PDB file of N, CA and C in Angstrom:
ATOM      1  N   UNK A   1      41.415  64.443  52.668  1.00  0.00           N
ATOM      2  CA  UNK A   1      40.420  64.059  53.651  1.00  0.00           C
ATOM      3  C   UNK A   1      41.024  64.210  55.041  1.00  0.00           C
ATOM      4  N   UNK A   2      40.277  64.785  55.941  1.00  0.00           N
ATOM      5  CA  UNK A   2      40.688  64.971  57.330  1.00  0.00           C
ATOM      6  C   UNK A   2      42.019  65.697  57.467  1.00  0.00           C
ATOM      7  N   UNK A   3      42.236  66.727  56.669  1.00  0.00           N
ATOM      8  CA  UNK A   3      43.454  67.523  56.809  1.00  0.00           C
ATOM      9  C   UNK A   3      43.080  68.972  57.068  1.00  0.00           C
ATOM     10  N   UNK A   4      43.963  69.670  57.727  1.00  0.00           N
ATOM     11  CA  UNK A   4      43.743  71.077  58.022  1.00  0.00           C
ATOM     12  C   UNK A   4      44.975  71.855  57.580  1.00  0.00           C
ATOM     13  N   UNK A   5      44.780  72.876  56.788  1.00  0.00           N
ATOM     14  CA  UNK A   5      45.884  73.692  56.280  1.00  0.00           C
ATOM     15  C   UNK A   5      46.966  72.856  55.617  1.00  0.00           C
ATOM     16  N   UNK A   6      46.585  71.991  54.720  1.00  0.00           N
ATOM     17  CA  UNK A   6      47.552  71.160  53.999  1.00  0.00           C
ATOM     18  C   UNK A   6      48.230  72.015  52.937  1.00  0.00           C
ATOM     19  N   UNK A   7      49.294  72.701  53.337  1.00  0.00           N
ATOM     20  CA  UNK A   7      50.002  73.604  52.444  1.00  0.00           C
ATOM     21  C   UNK A   7      51.384  73.057  52.126  1.00  0.00           C
ATOM     22  N   UNK A   8      51.897  73.462  51.009  1.00  0.00           N
ATOM     23  CA  UNK A   8      53.265  73.128  50.642  1.00  0.00           C
ATOM     24  C   UNK A   8      54.222  73.878  51.562  1.00  0.00           C
ATOM     25  N   UNK A   9      55.427  73.355  51.769  1.00  0.00           N
ATOM     26  CA  UNK A   9      56.412  74.018  52.623  1.00  0.00           C
ATOM     27  C   UNK A   9      56.863  75.357  52.066  1.00  0.00           C
ATOM     28  N   UNK A  10      56.706  75.574  50.767  1.00  0.00           N
ATOM     29  CA  UNK A  10      57.138  76.820  50.149  1.00  0.00           C
ATOM     30  C   UNK A  10      56.099  77.934  50.269  1.00  0.00           C
ATOM     31  N   UNK A  11      54.904  77.629  50.717  1.00  0.00           N
ATOM     32  CA  UNK A  11      53.836  78.619  50.793  1.00  0.00           C
ATOM     33  C   UNK A  11      53.831  79.263  52.176  1.00  0.00           C
ATOM     34  N   UNK A  12      54.093  80.590  52.269  1.00  0.00           N
ATOM     35  CA  UNK A  12      54.050  81.230  53.576  1.00  0.00           C
ATOM     36  C   UNK A  12      52.618  81.298  54.105  1.00  0.00           C
ATOM     37  N   UNK A  13      52.471  81.141  55.397  1.00  0.00           N
ATOM     38  CA  UNK A  13      51.156  81.221  56.022  1.00  0.00           C
ATOM     39  C   UNK A  13      51.128  82.459  56.897  1.00  0.00           C
ATOM     40  N   UNK A  14      50.132  83.295  56.735  1.00  0.00           N
ATOM     41  CA  UNK A  14      50.012  84.501  57.545  1.00  0.00           C
ATOM     42  C   UNK A  14      48.797  84.427  58.442  1.00  0.00           C
ATOM     43  N   UNK A  15      48.896  85.077  59.583  1.00  0.00           N
ATOM     44  CA  UNK A  15      47.768  85.123  60.500  1.00  0.00           C
ATOM     45  C   UNK A  15      46.645  85.974  59.934  1.00  0.00           C
ATOM     46  N   UNK A  16      45.591  86.115  60.692  1.00  0.00           N
ATOM     47  CA  UNK A  16      44.425  86.862  60.233  1.00  0.00           C
ATOM     48  C   UNK A  16      44.266  88.135  61.055  1.00  0.00           C
ATOM     49  N   UNK A  17      44.315  89.251  60.397  1.00  0.00           N
ATOM     50  CA  UNK A  17      44.147  90.579  61.000  1.00  0.00           C
ATOM     51  C   UNK A  17      45.003  90.735  62.250  1.00  0.00           C
ATOM     52  N   UNK A  18      44.425  90.953  63.416  1.00  0.00           N
ATOM     53  CA  UNK A  18      45.199  91.165  64.641  1.00  0.00           C
ATOM     54  C   UNK A  18      45.195  89.929  65.528  1.00  0.00           C
ATOM     55  N   UNK A  19      45.320  88.770  64.924  1.00  0.00           N
ATOM     56  CA  UNK A  19      45.274  87.527  65.692  1.00  0.00           C
ATOM     57  C   UNK A  19      46.545  87.288  66.492  1.00  0.00           C
ATOM     58  N   UNK A  20      47.633  88.007  66.142  1.00  0.00           N
ATOM     59  CA  UNK A  20      48.901  87.796  66.832  1.00  0.00           C
ATOM     60  C   UNK A  20      49.766  86.743  66.172  1.00  0.00           C
ATOM     61  N   UNK A  21      49.262  86.105  65.133  1.00  0.00           N
ATOM     62  CA  UNK A  21      50.036  85.097  64.421  1.00  0.00           C
ATOM     63  C   UNK A  21      50.756  85.768  63.258  1.00  0.00           C
ATOM     64  N   UNK A  22      52.076  85.636  63.229  1.00  0.00           N
ATOM     65  CA  UNK A  22      52.855  86.252  62.157  1.00  0.00           C
ATOM     66  C   UNK A  22      53.018  85.306  60.980  1.00  0.00           C
ATOM     67  N   UNK A  23      53.926  85.652  60.089  1.00  0.00           N
ATOM     68  CA  UNK A  23      54.204  84.822  58.915  1.00  0.00           C
ATOM     69  C   UNK A  23      55.046  83.627  59.319  1.00  0.00           C
ATOM     70  N   UNK A  24      54.646  82.465  58.876  1.00  0.00           N
ATOM     71  CA  UNK A  24      55.377  81.243  59.173  1.00  0.00           C
ATOM     72  C   UNK A  24      55.526  80.436  57.901  1.00  0.00           C
ATOM     73  N   UNK A  25      56.433  79.520  57.915  1.00  0.00           N
ATOM     74  CA  UNK A  25      56.734  78.637  56.789  1.00  0.00           C
ATOM     75  C   UNK A  25      57.413  79.430  55.685  1.00  0.00           C
ATOM     76  N   UNK A  26      57.851  78.765  54.677  1.00  0.00           N
ATOM     77  CA  UNK A  26      58.524  79.435  53.570  1.00  0.00           C
ATOM     78  C   UNK A  26      59.919  79.902  53.942  1.00  0.00           C
ATOM     79  N   UNK A  27      60.645  80.385  52.964  1.00  0.00           N
ATOM     80  CA  UNK A  27      62.039  80.800  53.146  1.00  0.00           C
ATOM     81  C   UNK A  27      62.170  81.957  54.131  1.00  0.00           C
ATOM     82  N   UNK A  28      61.316  82.967  54.020  1.00  0.00           N
ATOM     83  CA  UNK A  28      61.441  84.138  54.878  1.00  0.00           C
ATOM     84  C   UNK A  28      61.054  83.828  56.326  1.00  0.00           C
ATOM     85  N   UNK A  29      60.113  82.952  56.525  1.00  0.00           N
ATOM     86  CA  UNK A  29      59.756  82.544  57.879  1.00  0.00           C
ATOM     87  C   UNK A  29      60.890  81.799  58.551  1.00  0.00           C
ATOM     88  N   UNK A  30      61.586  80.965  57.803  1.00  0.00           N
ATOM     89  CA  UNK A  30      62.731  80.230  58.339  1.00  0.00           C
ATOM     90  C   UNK A  30      63.857  81.187  58.698  1.00  0.00           C
ATOM     91  N   UNK A  31      64.101  82.183  57.867  1.00  0.00           N
ATOM     92  CA  UNK A  31      65.159  83.156  58.143  1.00  0.00           C
ATOM     93  C   UNK A  31      64.898  83.941  59.427  1.00  0.00           C
ATOM     94  N   UNK A  32      63.650  84.119  59.801  1.00  0.00           N
ATOM     95  CA  UNK A  32      63.326  84.847  61.023  1.00  0.00           C
ATOM     96  C   UNK A  32      63.787  84.099  62.269  1.00  0.00           C
ATOM     97  N   UNK A  33      63.952  82.781  62.173  1.00  0.00           N
ATOM     98  CA  UNK A  33      64.347  81.972  63.321  1.00  0.00           C
ATOM     99  C   UNK A  33      65.794  81.499  63.243  1.00  0.00           C
ATOM    100  N   UNK A  34      66.569  81.969  62.269  1.00  0.00           N
ATOM    101  CA  UNK A  34      67.945  81.506  62.115  1.00  0.00           C
ATOM    102  C   UNK A  34      68.926  82.645  62.334  1.00  0.00           C
ATOM    103  N   UNK A  35      70.153  82.279  62.664  1.00  0.00           N
ATOM    104  CA  UNK A  35      71.223  83.237  62.873  1.00  0.00           C
ATOM    105  C   UNK A  35      72.489  82.640  62.282  1.00  0.00           C
ATOM    106  N   UNK A  36      73.230  83.436  61.528  1.00  0.00           N
ATOM    107  CA  UNK A  36      74.464  82.965  60.909  1.00  0.00           C
ATOM    108  C   UNK A  36      75.554  82.889  61.969  1.00  0.00           C
ATOM    109  N   UNK A  37      76.252  81.751  62.026  1.00  0.00           N
ATOM    110  CA  UNK A  37      77.369  81.572  62.945  1.00  0.00           C
ATOM    111  C   UNK A  37      78.544  81.001  62.171  1.00  0.00           C
ATOM    112  N   UNK A  38      79.749  81.265  62.660  1.00  0.00           N
ATOM    113  CA  UNK A  38      80.958  80.748  62.022  1.00  0.00           C
ATOM    114  C   UNK A  38      81.615  79.728  62.933  1.00  0.00           C
ATOM    115  N   UNK A  39      82.200  78.710  62.322  1.00  0.00           N
ATOM    116  CA  UNK A  39      82.953  77.695  63.052  1.00  0.00           C
ATOM    117  C   UNK A  39      84.344  77.648  62.444  1.00  0.00           C
ATOM    118  N   UNK A  40      85.373  77.810  63.280  1.00  0.00           N
ATOM    119  CA  UNK A  40      86.752  77.778  62.804  1.00  0.00           C
ATOM    120  C   UNK A  40      87.411  76.534  63.378  1.00  0.00           C
ATOM    121  N   UNK A  41      87.958  75.711  62.502  1.00  0.00           N
ATOM    122  CA  UNK A  41      88.593  74.459  62.921  1.00  0.00           C
ATOM    123  C   UNK A  41      89.975  74.352  62.292  1.00  0.00           C
ATOM    124  N   UNK A  42      90.894  73.745  63.026  1.00  0.00           N
ATOM    125  CA  UNK A  42      92.211  73.471  62.479  1.00  0.00           C
ATOM    126  C   UNK A  42      92.137  72.131  61.760  1.00  0.00           C
ATOM    127  N   UNK A  43      92.528  72.136  60.482  1.00  0.00           N
ATOM    128  CA  UNK A  43      92.471  70.920  59.673  1.00  0.00           C
ATOM    129  C   UNK A  43      93.899  70.499  59.357  1.00  0.00           C
ATOM    130  N   UNK A  44      94.222  69.260  59.696  1.00  0.00           N
ATOM    131  CA  UNK A  44      95.558  68.743  59.419  1.00  0.00           C
ATOM    132  C   UNK A  44      95.642  68.301  57.966  1.00  0.00           C
ATOM    133  N   UNK A  45      96.746  68.668  57.305  1.00  0.00           N
ATOM    134  CA  UNK A  45      96.937  68.251  55.921  1.00  0.00           C
ATOM    135  C   UNK A  45      97.362  66.794  55.880  1.00  0.00           C
ATOM    136  N   UNK A  46      96.847  66.084  54.913  1.00  0.00           N
ATOM    137  CA  UNK A  46      97.204  64.681  54.736  1.00  0.00           C
ATOM    138  C   UNK A  46      98.438  64.614  53.833  1.00  0.00           C
ATOM    139  N   UNK A  47      99.495  63.947  54.294  1.00  0.00           N
ATOM    140  CA  UNK A  47     100.707  63.800  53.483  1.00  0.00           C
ATOM    141  C   UNK A  47     100.459  62.811  52.364  1.00  0.00           C
ATOM    142  N   UNK A  48     100.841  63.184  51.137  1.00  0.00           N
ATOM    143  CA  UNK A  48     100.622  62.268  50.016  1.00  0.00           C
ATOM    144  C   UNK A  48     101.912  61.897  49.323  1.00  0.00           C
TER     145      UNK A  48
END
């Protein structure tokens, strides 16, 4: 009741024809907005 586009997070949503709205939600939509980065840290060993 009173909901609009109540979709699961796993369901990709696509725009309509030439509306300018691309694919959003879902795994592939998330990958479009992410970038892999590396972090290098010096870790001190704990003496046992």
